[in-house]
Amino acid sequence: MAGGADHHLVGGAPLVTATTTAKRYRFHAVGGAYPALEDVGPDQGAAVQGEVYELSYEQLREVLLPGEPAGLELGVIELADGSGSLAMVLRRRWDGAPLTDISGLASWRVYQS
């Protein structure tokens, strides 16, 4: 997200919109270091704040993906308006750093403040 530690990975990519996810994700702080979404099913999670950027496939492949933490993988998420978007999500078989559920905050910025 704008102002975040890894925002440089999206470079000069234009911001499409600030939005929230559909209410189907648990939101975690992974080892207190970075955020991760976990799909828990329709209406079972929180609407998490986020931003959608327009990235080229080259920027995604060469810059963003190599710069992401090992606990994340590329996935497709559902946004509040029902549309989909590529996003970095918690690896399906995660057994690394401990997860802290911050779904009630629904914002990485709020968690960090």
PDB file of N, CA and C in Angstrom:
ATOM      1  N   MET A   1       0.834  -1.180   0.000  1.00  0.00           N
ATOM      2  CA  MET A   1       0.000   0.000   0.000  1.00  0.00           C
ATOM      3  C   MET A   1       0.880   1.244   0.000  1.00  0.00           C
ATOM      4  N   ALA A   2       0.331   2.329  -0.492  1.00  0.00           N
ATOM      5  CA  ALA A   2       1.073   3.584  -0.534  1.00  0.00           C
ATOM      6  C   ALA A   2       1.659   3.883   0.840  1.00  0.00           C
ATOM      7  N   GLY A   3       2.941   4.209   0.846  1.00  0.00           N
ATOM      8  CA  GLY A   3       3.612   4.513   2.099  1.00  0.00           C
ATOM      9  C   GLY A   3       4.147   3.301   2.831  1.00  0.00           C
ATOM     10  N   GLY A   4       3.805   2.100   2.376  1.00  0.00           N
ATOM     11  CA  GLY A   4       4.252   0.871   3.023  1.00  0.00           C
ATOM     12  C   GLY A   4       5.692   0.532   2.677  1.00  0.00           C
ATOM     13  N   ALA A   5       6.262  -0.369   3.447  1.00  0.00           N
ATOM     14  CA  ALA A   5       7.669  -0.744   3.279  1.00  0.00           C
ATOM     15  C   ALA A   5       7.975  -1.319   1.900  1.00  0.00           C
ATOM     16  N   ASP A   6       7.026  -2.018   1.283  1.00  0.00           N
ATOM     17  CA  ASP A   6       7.268  -2.636  -0.025  1.00  0.00           C
ATOM     18  C   ASP A   6       6.586  -1.904  -1.176  1.00  0.00           C
ATOM     19  N   HIS A   7       6.123  -0.696  -0.940  1.00  0.00           N
ATOM     20  CA  HIS A   7       5.420   0.047  -1.994  1.00  0.00           C
ATOM     21  C   HIS A   7       6.313   0.289  -3.213  1.00  0.00           C
ATOM     22  N   HIS A   8       7.621   0.360  -2.994  1.00  0.00           N
ATOM     23  CA  HIS A   8       8.544   0.572  -4.117  1.00  0.00           C
ATOM     24  C   HIS A   8       8.434  -0.549  -5.155  1.00  0.00           C
ATOM     25  N   LEU A   9       7.917  -1.709  -4.763  1.00  0.00           N
ATOM     26  CA  LEU A   9       7.800  -2.832  -5.699  1.00  0.00           C
ATOM     27  C   LEU A   9       6.770  -2.567  -6.797  1.00  0.00           C
ATOM     28  N   VAL A  10       5.816  -1.677  -6.566  1.00  0.00           N
ATOM     29  CA  VAL A  10       4.851  -1.342  -7.615  1.00  0.00           C
ATOM     30  C   VAL A  10       5.346  -0.169  -8.451  1.00  0.00           C
ATOM     31  N   GLY A  11       6.519   0.386  -8.066  1.00  0.00           N
ATOM     32  CA  GLY A  11       7.146   1.434  -8.864  1.00  0.00           C
ATOM     33  C   GLY A  11       6.185   2.552  -9.190  1.00  0.00           C
ATOM     34  N   GLY A  12       6.183   2.962 -10.429  1.00  0.00           N
ATOM     35  CA  GLY A  12       5.307   4.044 -10.867  1.00  0.00           C
ATOM     36  C   GLY A  12       3.976   3.561 -11.395  1.00  0.00           C
ATOM     37  N   ALA A  13       3.600   2.337 -11.076  1.00  0.00           N
ATOM     38  CA  ALA A  13       2.324   1.803 -11.569  1.00  0.00           C
ATOM     39  C   ALA A  13       1.171   2.679 -11.095  1.00  0.00           C
ATOM     40  N   PRO A  14       0.222   2.979 -11.978  1.00  0.00           N
ATOM     41  CA  PRO A  14      -0.886   3.841 -11.578  1.00  0.00           C
ATOM     42  C   PRO A  14      -1.848   3.136 -10.618  1.00  0.00           C
ATOM     43  N   LEU A  15      -2.309   3.892  -9.623  1.00  0.00           N
ATOM     44  CA  LEU A  15      -3.332   3.410  -8.703  1.00  0.00           C
ATOM     45  C   LEU A  15      -4.660   3.405  -9.439  1.00  0.00           C
ATOM     46  N   VAL A  16      -5.333   2.256  -9.471  1.00  0.00           N
ATOM     47  CA  VAL A  16      -6.645   2.149 -10.104  1.00  0.00           C
ATOM     48  C   VAL A  16      -7.722   2.583  -9.117  1.00  0.00           C
ATOM     49  N   THR A  17      -7.654   2.045  -7.893  1.00  0.00           N
ATOM     50  CA  THR A  17      -8.645   2.400  -6.872  1.00  0.00           C
ATOM     51  C   THR A  17      -8.190   1.946  -5.493  1.00  0.00           C
ATOM     52  N   ALA A  18      -8.667   2.622  -4.487  1.00  0.00           N
ATOM     53  CA  ALA A  18      -8.578   2.146  -3.104  1.00  0.00           C
ATOM     54  C   ALA A  18      -9.914   1.469  -2.835  1.00  0.00           C
ATOM     55  N   THR A  19      -9.886   0.287  -2.239  1.00  0.00           N
ATOM     56  CA  THR A  19     -11.108  -0.497  -2.089  1.00  0.00           C
ATOM     57  C   THR A  19     -10.993  -1.411  -0.880  1.00  0.00           C
ATOM     58  N   THR A  20     -11.943  -2.309  -0.738  1.00  0.00           N
ATOM     59  CA  THR A  20     -11.865  -3.366   0.269  1.00  0.00           C
ATOM     60  C   THR A  20     -12.143  -4.698  -0.417  1.00  0.00           C
ATOM     61  N   THR A  21     -11.732  -5.757   0.248  1.00  0.00           N
ATOM     62  CA  THR A  21     -12.035  -7.099  -0.248  1.00  0.00           C
ATOM     63  C   THR A  21     -13.484  -7.437   0.076  1.00  0.00           C
ATOM     64  N   ALA A  22     -13.965  -8.508  -0.520  1.00  0.00           N
ATOM     65  CA  ALA A  22     -15.231  -9.093  -0.083  1.00  0.00           C
ATOM     66  C   ALA A  22     -15.015  -9.630   1.332  1.00  0.00           C
ATOM     67  N   LYS A  23     -16.091  -9.863   2.052  1.00  0.00           N
ATOM     68  CA  LYS A  23     -15.994 -10.348   3.445  1.00  0.00           C
ATOM     69  C   LYS A  23     -15.762 -11.856   3.468  1.00  0.00           C
ATOM     70  N   ARG A  24     -14.620 -12.279   2.930  1.00  0.00           N
ATOM     71  CA  ARG A  24     -14.311 -13.706   2.881  1.00  0.00           C
ATOM     72  C   ARG A  24     -12.874 -14.011   3.292  1.00  0.00           C
ATOM     73  N   TYR A  25     -12.182 -13.026   3.867  1.00  0.00           N
ATOM     74  CA  TYR A  25     -10.763 -13.200   4.175  1.00  0.00           C
ATOM     75  C   TYR A  25     -10.466 -12.983   5.649  1.00  0.00           C
ATOM     76  N   ARG A  26      -9.647 -13.851   6.185  1.00  0.00           N
ATOM     77  CA  ARG A  26      -9.029 -13.606   7.481  1.00  0.00           C
ATOM     78  C   ARG A  26      -7.750 -12.834   7.157  1.00  0.00           C
ATOM     79  N   PHE A  27      -7.456 -11.830   7.974  1.00  0.00           N
ATOM     80  CA  PHE A  27      -6.315 -10.951   7.731  1.00  0.00           C
ATOM     81  C   PHE A  27      -5.291 -11.188   8.828  1.00  0.00           C
ATOM     82  N   HIS A  28      -4.072 -11.523   8.428  1.00  0.00           N
ATOM     83  CA  HIS A  28      -3.026 -11.891   9.382  1.00  0.00           C
ATOM     84  C   HIS A  28      -1.830 -10.953   9.302  1.00  0.00           C
ATOM     85  N   ALA A  29      -1.160 -10.800  10.441  1.00  0.00           N
ATOM     86  CA  ALA A  29       0.197 -10.260  10.491  1.00  0.00           C
ATOM     87  C   ALA A  29       1.093 -11.488  10.595  1.00  0.00           C
ATOM     88  N   VAL A  30       1.961 -11.680   9.624  1.00  0.00           N
ATOM     89  CA  VAL A  30       2.834 -12.856   9.587  1.00  0.00           C
ATOM     90  C   VAL A  30       4.124 -12.521  10.328  1.00  0.00           C
ATOM     91  N   GLY A  31       4.284 -13.120  11.490  1.00  0.00           N
ATOM     92  CA  GLY A  31       5.452 -12.832  12.317  1.00  0.00           C
ATOM     93  C   GLY A  31       5.571 -11.361  12.674  1.00  0.00           C
ATOM     94  N   GLY A  32       4.456 -10.630  12.581  1.00  0.00           N
ATOM     95  CA  GLY A  32       4.468  -9.194  12.850  1.00  0.00           C
ATOM     96  C   GLY A  32       5.128  -8.375  11.766  1.00  0.00           C
ATOM     97  N   ALA A  33       5.575  -9.034  10.682  1.00  0.00           N
ATOM     98  CA  ALA A  33       6.391  -8.358   9.672  1.00  0.00           C
ATOM     99  C   ALA A  33       5.636  -7.913   8.422  1.00  0.00           C
ATOM    100  N   TYR A  34       4.641  -8.662   7.994  1.00  0.00           N
ATOM    101  CA  TYR A  34       3.923  -8.317   6.769  1.00  0.00           C
ATOM    102  C   TYR A  34       2.511  -8.893   6.818  1.00  0.00           C
ATOM    103  N   PRO A  35       1.588  -8.311   6.027  1.00  0.00           N
ATOM    104  CA  PRO A  35       0.197  -8.759   6.037  1.00  0.00           C
ATOM    105  C   PRO A  35      -0.043  -9.903   5.061  1.00  0.00           C
ATOM    106  N   ALA A  36      -1.084 -10.690   5.350  1.00  0.00           N
ATOM    107  CA  ALA A  36      -1.468 -11.775   4.447  1.00  0.00           C
ATOM    108  C   ALA A  36      -2.960 -12.030   4.548  1.00  0.00           C
ATOM    109  N   LEU A  37      -3.576 -12.265   3.402  1.00  0.00           N
ATOM    110  CA  LEU A  37      -4.987 -12.637   3.330  1.00  0.00           C
ATOM    111  C   LEU A  37      -5.111 -14.149   3.264  1.00  0.00           C
ATOM    112  N   GLU A  38      -6.115 -14.685   3.971  1.00  0.00           N
ATOM    113  CA  GLU A  38      -6.431 -16.111   3.918  1.00  0.00           C
ATOM    114  C   GLU A  38      -7.916 -16.247   3.617  1.00  0.00           C
ATOM    115  N   ASP A  39      -8.249 -16.899   2.521  1.00  0.00           N
ATOM    116  CA  ASP A  39      -9.651 -17.084   2.133  1.00  0.00           C
ATOM    117  C   ASP A  39     -10.310 -18.096   3.061  1.00  0.00           C
ATOM    118  N   VAL A  40     -11.374 -17.665   3.740  1.00  0.00           N
ATOM    119  CA  VAL A  40     -12.096 -18.550   4.659  1.00  0.00           C
ATOM    120  C   VAL A  40     -13.541 -18.770   4.224  1.00  0.00           C
ATOM    121  N   GLY A  41     -13.915 -18.268   3.049  1.00  0.00           N
ATOM    122  CA  GLY A  41     -15.239 -18.515   2.505  1.00  0.00           C
ATOM    123  C   GLY A  41     -16.155 -17.303   2.568  1.00  0.00           C
ATOM    124  N   PRO A  42     -17.204 -17.314   1.733  1.00  0.00           N
ATOM    125  CA  PRO A  42     -18.125 -16.181   1.653  1.00  0.00           C
ATOM    126  C   PRO A  42     -18.718 -15.810   3.013  1.00  0.00           C
ATOM    127  N   ASP A  43     -18.690 -14.520   3.303  1.00  0.00           N
ATOM    128  CA  ASP A  43     -19.269 -13.954   4.531  1.00  0.00           C
ATOM    129  C   ASP A  43     -18.702 -14.546   5.810  1.00  0.00           C
ATOM    130  N   GLN A  44     -17.521 -15.151   5.749  1.00  0.00           N
ATOM    131  CA  GLN A  44     -16.890 -15.737   6.934  1.00  0.00           C
ATOM    132  C   GLN A  44     -15.721 -14.896   7.439  1.00  0.00           C
ATOM    133  N   GLY A  45     -15.370 -13.854   6.699  1.00  0.00           N
ATOM    134  CA  GLY A  45     -14.196 -13.069   7.059  1.00  0.00           C
ATOM    135  C   GLY A  45     -14.497 -11.592   7.155  1.00  0.00           C
ATOM    136  N   ALA A  46     -13.469 -10.801   6.948  1.00  0.00           N
ATOM    137  CA  ALA A  46     -13.557  -9.345   7.067  1.00  0.00           C
ATOM    138  C   ALA A  46     -13.377  -8.692   5.700  1.00  0.00           C
ATOM    139  N   ALA A  47     -13.884  -7.478   5.574  1.00  0.00           N
ATOM    140  CA  ALA A  47     -13.619  -6.643   4.407  1.00  0.00           C
ATOM    141  C   ALA A  47     -12.330  -5.886   4.709  1.00  0.00           C
ATOM    142  N   VAL A  48     -11.256  -6.243   4.038  1.00  0.00           N
ATOM    143  CA  VAL A  48      -9.924  -5.716   4.335  1.00  0.00           C
ATOM    144  C   VAL A  48      -9.581  -4.589   3.359  1.00  0.00           C
ATOM    145  N   GLN A  49      -9.041  -3.502   3.884  1.00  0.00           N
ATOM    146  CA  GLN A  49      -8.658  -2.361   3.058  1.00  0.00           C
ATOM    147  C   GLN A  49      -7.478  -2.704   2.161  1.00  0.00           C
ATOM    148  N   GLY A  50      -7.500  -2.163   0.945  1.00  0.00           N
ATOM    149  CA  GLY A  50      -6.401  -2.394   0.027  1.00  0.00           C
ATOM    150  C   GLY A  50      -6.412  -1.410  -1.123  1.00  0.00           C
ATOM    151  N   GLU A  51      -5.460  -1.584  -2.016  1.00  0.00           N
ATOM    152  CA  GLU A  51      -5.328  -0.746  -3.197  1.00  0.00           C
ATOM    153  C   GLU A  51      -5.104  -1.636  -4.414  1.00  0.00           C
ATOM    154  N   VAL A  52      -5.657  -1.222  -5.547  1.00  0.00           N
ATOM    155  CA  VAL A  52      -5.487  -1.943  -6.807  1.00  0.00           C
ATOM    156  C   VAL A  52      -4.621  -1.078  -7.722  1.00  0.00           C
ATOM    157  N   TYR A  53      -3.544  -1.678  -8.236  1.00  0.00           N
ATOM    158  CA  TYR A  53      -2.622  -0.992  -9.143  1.00  0.00           C
ATOM    159  C   TYR A  53      -2.623  -1.683 -10.497  1.00  0.00           C
ATOM    160  N   GLU A  54      -2.333  -0.916 -11.542  1.00  0.00           N
ATOM    161  CA  GLU A  54      -2.209  -1.467 -12.889  1.00  0.00           C
ATOM    162  C   GLU A  54      -0.740  -1.738 -13.167  1.00  0.00           C
ATOM    163  N   LEU A  55      -0.354  -3.014 -13.081  1.00  0.00           N
ATOM    164  CA  LEU A  55       1.033  -3.414 -13.320  1.00  0.00           C
ATOM    165  C   LEU A  55       1.138  -4.180 -14.629  1.00  0.00           C
ATOM    166  N   SER A  56       2.264  -4.021 -15.298  1.00  0.00           N
ATOM    167  CA  SER A  56       2.527  -4.835 -16.481  1.00  0.00           C
ATOM    168  C   SER A  56       2.937  -6.235 -16.016  1.00  0.00           C
ATOM    169  N   TYR A  57       2.799  -7.212 -16.888  1.00  0.00           N
ATOM    170  CA  TYR A  57       3.248  -8.566 -16.546  1.00  0.00           C
ATOM    171  C   TYR A  57       4.750  -8.578 -16.280  1.00  0.00           C
ATOM    172  N   GLU A  58       5.493  -7.767 -17.028  1.00  0.00           N
ATOM    173  CA  GLU A  58       6.940  -7.694 -16.819  1.00  0.00           C
ATOM    174  C   GLU A  58       7.254  -7.182 -15.410  1.00  0.00           C
ATOM    175  N   GLN A  59       6.578  -6.137 -14.972  1.00  0.00           N
ATOM    176  CA  GLN A  59       6.812  -5.607 -13.626  1.00  0.00           C
ATOM    177  C   GLN A  59       6.402  -6.624 -12.564  1.00  0.00           C
ATOM    178  N   LEU A  60       5.299  -7.313 -12.794  1.00  0.00           N
ATOM    179  CA  LEU A  60       4.850  -8.353 -11.867  1.00  0.00           C
ATOM    180  C   LEU A  60       5.912  -9.451 -11.756  1.00  0.00           C
ATOM    181  N   ARG A  61       6.380  -9.938 -12.905  1.00  0.00           N
ATOM    182  CA  ARG A  61       7.337 -11.044 -12.951  1.00  0.00           C
ATOM    183  C   ARG A  61       8.733 -10.653 -12.468  1.00  0.00           C
ATOM    184  N   GLU A  62       9.225  -9.502 -12.891  1.00  0.00           N
ATOM    185  CA  GLU A  62      10.619  -9.126 -12.652  1.00  0.00           C
ATOM    186  C   GLU A  62      10.858  -8.362 -11.350  1.00  0.00           C
ATOM    187  N   VAL A  63       9.830  -7.679 -10.844  1.00  0.00           N
ATOM    188  CA  VAL A  63      10.031  -6.810  -9.681  1.00  0.00           C
ATOM    189  C   VAL A  63       9.179  -7.239  -8.487  1.00  0.00           C
ATOM    190  N   LEU A  64       7.875  -7.290  -8.677  1.00  0.00           N
ATOM    191  CA  LEU A  64       6.982  -7.542  -7.538  1.00  0.00           C
ATOM    192  C   LEU A  64       7.141  -8.946  -6.959  1.00  0.00           C
ATOM    193  N   LEU A  65       6.983  -9.968  -7.782  1.00  0.00           N
ATOM    194  CA  LEU A  65       7.036 -11.342  -7.260  1.00  0.00           C
ATOM    195  C   LEU A  65       8.366 -11.684  -6.590  1.00  0.00           C
ATOM    196  N   PRO A  66       9.519 -11.352  -7.189  1.00  0.00           N
ATOM    197  CA  PRO A  66      10.781 -11.674  -6.513  1.00  0.00           C
ATOM    198  C   PRO A  66      10.987 -10.908  -5.201  1.00  0.00           C
ATOM    199  N   GLY A  67      10.301  -9.784  -5.026  1.00  0.00           N
ATOM    200  CA  GLY A  67      10.470  -8.980  -3.829  1.00  0.00           C
ATOM    201  C   GLY A  67       9.528  -9.318  -2.693  1.00  0.00           C
ATOM    202  N   GLU A  68       8.593 -10.223  -2.929  1.00  0.00           N
ATOM    203  CA  GLU A  68       7.603 -10.563  -1.900  1.00  0.00           C
ATOM    204  C   GLU A  68       8.158 -11.588  -0.910  1.00  0.00           C
ATOM    205  N   PRO A  69       7.681 -11.567   0.336  1.00  0.00           N
ATOM    206  CA  PRO A  69       8.121 -12.544   1.339  1.00  0.00           C
ATOM    207  C   PRO A  69       7.746 -13.975   0.947  1.00  0.00           C
ATOM    208  N   ALA A  70       8.500 -14.934   1.451  1.00  0.00           N
ATOM    209  CA  ALA A  70       8.289 -16.347   1.123  1.00  0.00           C
ATOM    210  C   ALA A  70       6.924 -16.864   1.563  1.00  0.00           C
ATOM    211  N   GLY A  71       6.293 -16.225   2.522  1.00  0.00           N
ATOM    212  CA  GLY A  71       4.995 -16.682   3.019  1.00  0.00           C
ATOM    213  C   GLY A  71       3.819 -16.314   2.144  1.00  0.00           C
ATOM    214  N   LEU A  72       4.085 -15.580   1.057  1.00  0.00           N
ATOM    215  CA  LEU A  72       3.007 -15.147   0.172  1.00  0.00           C
ATOM    216  C   LEU A  72       3.131 -15.802  -1.193  1.00  0.00           C
ATOM    217  N   GLU A  73       1.984 -15.948  -1.856  1.00  0.00           N
ATOM    218  CA  GLU A  73       1.947 -16.429  -3.233  1.00  0.00           C
ATOM    219  C   GLU A  73       0.908 -15.627  -3.999  1.00  0.00           C
ATOM    220  N   LEU A  74       1.026 -15.628  -5.317  1.00  0.00           N
ATOM    221  CA  LEU A  74       0.086 -14.903  -6.159  1.00  0.00           C
ATOM    222  C   LEU A  74      -1.232 -15.661  -6.212  1.00  0.00           C
ATOM    223  N   GLY A  75      -2.327 -14.941  -6.028  1.00  0.00           N
ATOM    224  CA  GLY A  75      -3.652 -15.538  -6.098  1.00  0.00           C
ATOM    225  C   GLY A  75      -4.646 -14.536  -6.649  1.00  0.00           C
ATOM    226  N   VAL A  76      -5.883 -14.958  -6.756  1.00  0.00           N
ATOM    227  CA  VAL A  76      -6.970 -14.083  -7.187  1.00  0.00           C
ATOM    228  C   VAL A  76      -7.886 -13.888  -5.990  1.00  0.00           C
ATOM    229  N   ILE A  77      -8.190 -12.621  -5.687  1.00  0.00           N
ATOM    230  CA  ILE A  77      -9.096 -12.320  -4.583  1.00  0.00           C
ATOM    231  C   ILE A  77     -10.372 -11.690  -5.121  1.00  0.00           C
ATOM    232  N   GLU A  78     -11.411 -11.720  -4.291  1.00  0.00           N
ATOM    233  CA  GLU A  78     -12.674 -11.070  -4.621  1.00  0.00           C
ATOM    234  C   GLU A  78     -12.725  -9.725  -3.911  1.00  0.00           C
ATOM    235  N   LEU A  79     -13.060  -8.686  -4.669  1.00  0.00           N
ATOM    236  CA  LEU A  79     -13.205  -7.355  -4.100  1.00  0.00           C
ATOM    237  C   LEU A  79     -14.652  -7.127  -3.663  1.00  0.00           C
ATOM    238  N   ALA A  80     -14.871  -6.065  -2.907  1.00  0.00           N
ATOM    239  CA  ALA A  80     -16.193  -5.778  -2.347  1.00  0.00           C
ATOM    240  C   ALA A  80     -17.269  -5.653  -3.424  1.00  0.00           C
ATOM    241  N   ASP A  81     -16.901  -5.171  -4.610  1.00  0.00           N
ATOM    242  CA  ASP A  81     -17.884  -5.004  -5.687  1.00  0.00           C
ATOM    243  C   ASP A  81     -18.129  -6.294  -6.474  1.00  0.00           C
ATOM    244  N   GLY A  82     -17.497  -7.399  -6.051  1.00  0.00           N
ATOM    245  CA  GLY A  82     -17.682  -8.687  -6.718  1.00  0.00           C
ATOM    246  C   GLY A  82     -16.668  -8.970  -7.809  1.00  0.00           C
ATOM    247  N   SER A  83     -15.877  -7.982  -8.183  1.00  0.00           N
ATOM    248  CA  SER A  83     -14.857  -8.207  -9.209  1.00  0.00           C
ATOM    249  C   SER A  83     -13.662  -8.928  -8.596  1.00  0.00           C
ATOM    250  N   GLY A  84     -12.777  -9.409  -9.453  1.00  0.00           N
ATOM    251  CA  GLY A  84     -11.587 -10.110  -8.991  1.00  0.00           C
ATOM    252  C   GLY A  84     -10.336  -9.304  -9.266  1.00  0.00           C
ATOM    253  N   SER A  85      -9.279  -9.635  -8.542  1.00  0.00           N
ATOM    254  CA  SER A  85      -7.994  -8.970  -8.733  1.00  0.00           C
ATOM    255  C   SER A  85      -6.877  -9.923  -8.337  1.00  0.00           C
ATOM    256  N   LEU A  86      -5.759  -9.839  -9.048  1.00  0.00           N
ATOM    257  CA  LEU A  86      -4.569 -10.554  -8.597  1.00  0.00           C
ATOM    258  C   LEU A  86      -4.094  -9.912  -7.301  1.00  0.00           C
ATOM    259  N   ALA A  87      -3.599 -10.732  -6.386  1.00  0.00           N
ATOM    260  CA  ALA A  87      -3.102 -10.221  -5.101  1.00  0.00           C
ATOM    261  C   ALA A  87      -2.143 -11.235  -4.504  1.00  0.00           C
ATOM    262  N   MET A  88      -1.325 -10.762  -3.603  1.00  0.00           N
ATOM    263  CA  MET A  88      -0.455 -11.654  -2.845  1.00  0.00           C
ATOM    264  C   MET A  88      -1.252 -12.152  -1.643  1.00  0.00           C
ATOM    265  N   VAL A  89      -1.324 -13.476  -1.488  1.00  0.00           N
ATOM    266  CA  VAL A  89      -2.113 -14.100  -0.420  1.00  0.00           C
ATOM    267  C   VAL A  89      -1.233 -15.072   0.367  1.00  0.00           C
ATOM    268  N   LEU A  90      -1.708 -15.451   1.540  1.00  0.00           N
ATOM    269  CA  LEU A  90      -0.979 -16.411   2.370  1.00  0.00           C
ATOM    270  C   LEU A  90      -0.834 -17.736   1.627  1.00  0.00           C
ATOM    271  N   ARG A  91       0.359 -18.304   1.651  1.00  0.00           N
ATOM    272  CA  ARG A  91       0.562 -19.624   1.028  1.00  0.00           C
ATOM    273  C   ARG A  91      -0.411 -20.625   1.621  1.00  0.00           C
ATOM    274  N   ARG A  92      -0.959 -21.474   0.798  1.00  0.00           N
ATOM    275  CA  ARG A  92      -1.965 -22.443   1.253  1.00  0.00           C
ATOM    276  C   ARG A  92      -1.436 -23.399   2.307  1.00  0.00           C
ATOM    277  N   ARG A  93      -0.213 -23.780   2.213  1.00  0.00           N
ATOM    278  CA  ARG A  93       0.376 -24.697   3.196  1.00  0.00           C
ATOM    279  C   ARG A  93       1.429 -23.951   4.003  1.00  0.00           C
ATOM    280  N   TRP A  94       0.994 -22.964   4.757  1.00  0.00           N
ATOM    281  CA  TRP A  94       1.919 -22.123   5.509  1.00  0.00           C
ATOM    282  C   TRP A  94       2.276 -22.782   6.826  1.00  0.00           C
ATOM    283  N   ASP A  95       3.571 -22.929   7.084  1.00  0.00           N
ATOM    284  CA  ASP A  95       4.018 -23.477   8.368  1.00  0.00           C
ATOM    285  C   ASP A  95       5.237 -22.709   8.873  1.00  0.00           C
ATOM    286  N   GLY A  96       5.313 -21.451   8.486  1.00  0.00           N
ATOM    287  CA  GLY A  96       6.444 -20.615   8.871  1.00  0.00           C
ATOM    288  C   GLY A  96       6.150 -19.787  10.107  1.00  0.00           C
ATOM    289  N   ALA A  97       6.445 -18.496  10.026  1.00  0.00           N
ATOM    290  CA  ALA A  97       6.281 -17.573  11.151  1.00  0.00           C
ATOM    291  C   ALA A  97       4.847 -17.606  11.677  1.00  0.00           C
ATOM    292  N   PRO A  98       4.671 -17.328  12.969  1.00  0.00           N
ATOM    293  CA  PRO A  98       3.329 -17.350  13.552  1.00  0.00           C
ATOM    294  C   PRO A  98       2.418 -16.283  12.941  1.00  0.00           C
ATOM    295  N   LEU A  99       1.133 -16.621  12.897  1.00  0.00           N
ATOM    296  CA  LEU A  99       0.125 -15.715  12.357  1.00  0.00           C
ATOM    297  C   LEU A  99      -0.633 -15.056  13.503  1.00  0.00           C
ATOM    298  N   THR A 100      -0.802 -13.743  13.422  1.00  0.00           N
ATOM    299  CA  THR A 100      -1.642 -13.006  14.361  1.00  0.00           C
ATOM    300  C   THR A 100      -2.861 -12.538  13.594  1.00  0.00           C
ATOM    301  N   ASP A 101      -4.048 -12.938  14.024  1.00  0.00           N
ATOM    302  CA  ASP A 101      -5.281 -12.551  13.342  1.00  0.00           C
ATOM    303  C   ASP A 101      -5.575 -11.083  13.639  1.00  0.00           C
ATOM    304  N   ILE A 102      -5.516 -10.256  12.604  1.00  0.00           N
ATOM    305  CA  ILE A 102      -5.811  -8.830  12.744  1.00  0.00           C
ATOM    306  C   ILE A 102      -7.045  -8.454  11.922  1.00  0.00           C
ATOM    307  N   SER A 103      -7.906  -9.432  11.679  1.00  0.00           N
ATOM    308  CA  SER A 103      -9.103  -9.213  10.867  1.00  0.00           C
ATOM    309  C   SER A 103      -9.982  -8.106  11.429  1.00  0.00           C
ATOM    310  N   GLY A 104     -10.045  -7.999  12.743  1.00  0.00           N
ATOM    311  CA  GLY A 104     -10.872  -6.970  13.370  1.00  0.00           C
ATOM    312  C   GLY A 104     -10.415  -5.560  13.040  1.00  0.00           C
ATOM    313  N   LEU A 105      -9.148  -5.400  12.705  1.00  0.00           N
ATOM    314  CA  LEU A 105      -8.619  -4.085  12.326  1.00  0.00           C
ATOM    315  C   LEU A 105      -8.841  -3.807  10.845  1.00  0.00           C
ATOM    316  N   ALA A 106      -8.794  -4.862  10.029  1.00  0.00           N
ATOM    317  CA  ALA A 106      -9.023  -4.796   8.579  1.00  0.00           C
ATOM    318  C   ALA A 106      -8.120  -3.799   7.859  1.00  0.00           C
ATOM    319  N   SER A 107      -6.993  -3.459   8.469  1.00  0.00           N
ATOM    320  CA  SER A 107      -6.082  -2.489   7.863  1.00  0.00           C
ATOM    321  C   SER A 107      -4.668  -2.714   8.383  1.00  0.00           C
ATOM    322  N   TRP A 108      -3.716  -2.873   7.471  1.00  0.00           N
ATOM    323  CA  TRP A 108      -2.319  -3.022   7.862  1.00  0.00           C
ATOM    324  C   TRP A 108      -1.809  -1.731   8.500  1.00  0.00           C
ATOM    325  N   ARG A 109      -2.236  -0.595   7.968  1.00  0.00           N
ATOM    326  CA  ARG A 109      -1.815   0.694   8.542  1.00  0.00           C
ATOM    327  C   ARG A 109      -2.274   0.827   9.991  1.00  0.00           C
ATOM    328  N   VAL A 110      -3.509   0.452  10.272  1.00  0.00           N
ATOM    329  CA  VAL A 110      -4.027   0.536  11.642  1.00  0.00           C
ATOM    330  C   VAL A 110      -3.235  -0.401  12.542  1.00  0.00           C
ATOM    331  N   TYR A 111      -2.946  -1.611  12.075  1.00  0.00           N
ATOM    332  CA  TYR A 111      -2.163  -2.563  12.864  1.00  0.00           C
ATOM    333  C   TYR A 111      -0.791  -1.987  13.207  1.00  0.00           C
ATOM    334  N   GLN A 112      -0.162  -1.329  12.259  1.00  0.00           N
ATOM    335  CA  GLN A 112       1.182  -0.799  12.470  1.00  0.00           C
ATOM    336  C   GLN A 112       1.215   0.457  13.337  1.00  0.00           C
ATOM    337  N   SER A 113       0.093   1.125  13.468  1.00  0.00           N
ATOM    338  CA  SER A 113       0.095   2.385  14.239  1.00  0.00           C
ATOM    339  C   SER A 113       0.032   2.161  15.737  1.00  0.00           C
TER     340      SER A 113
END
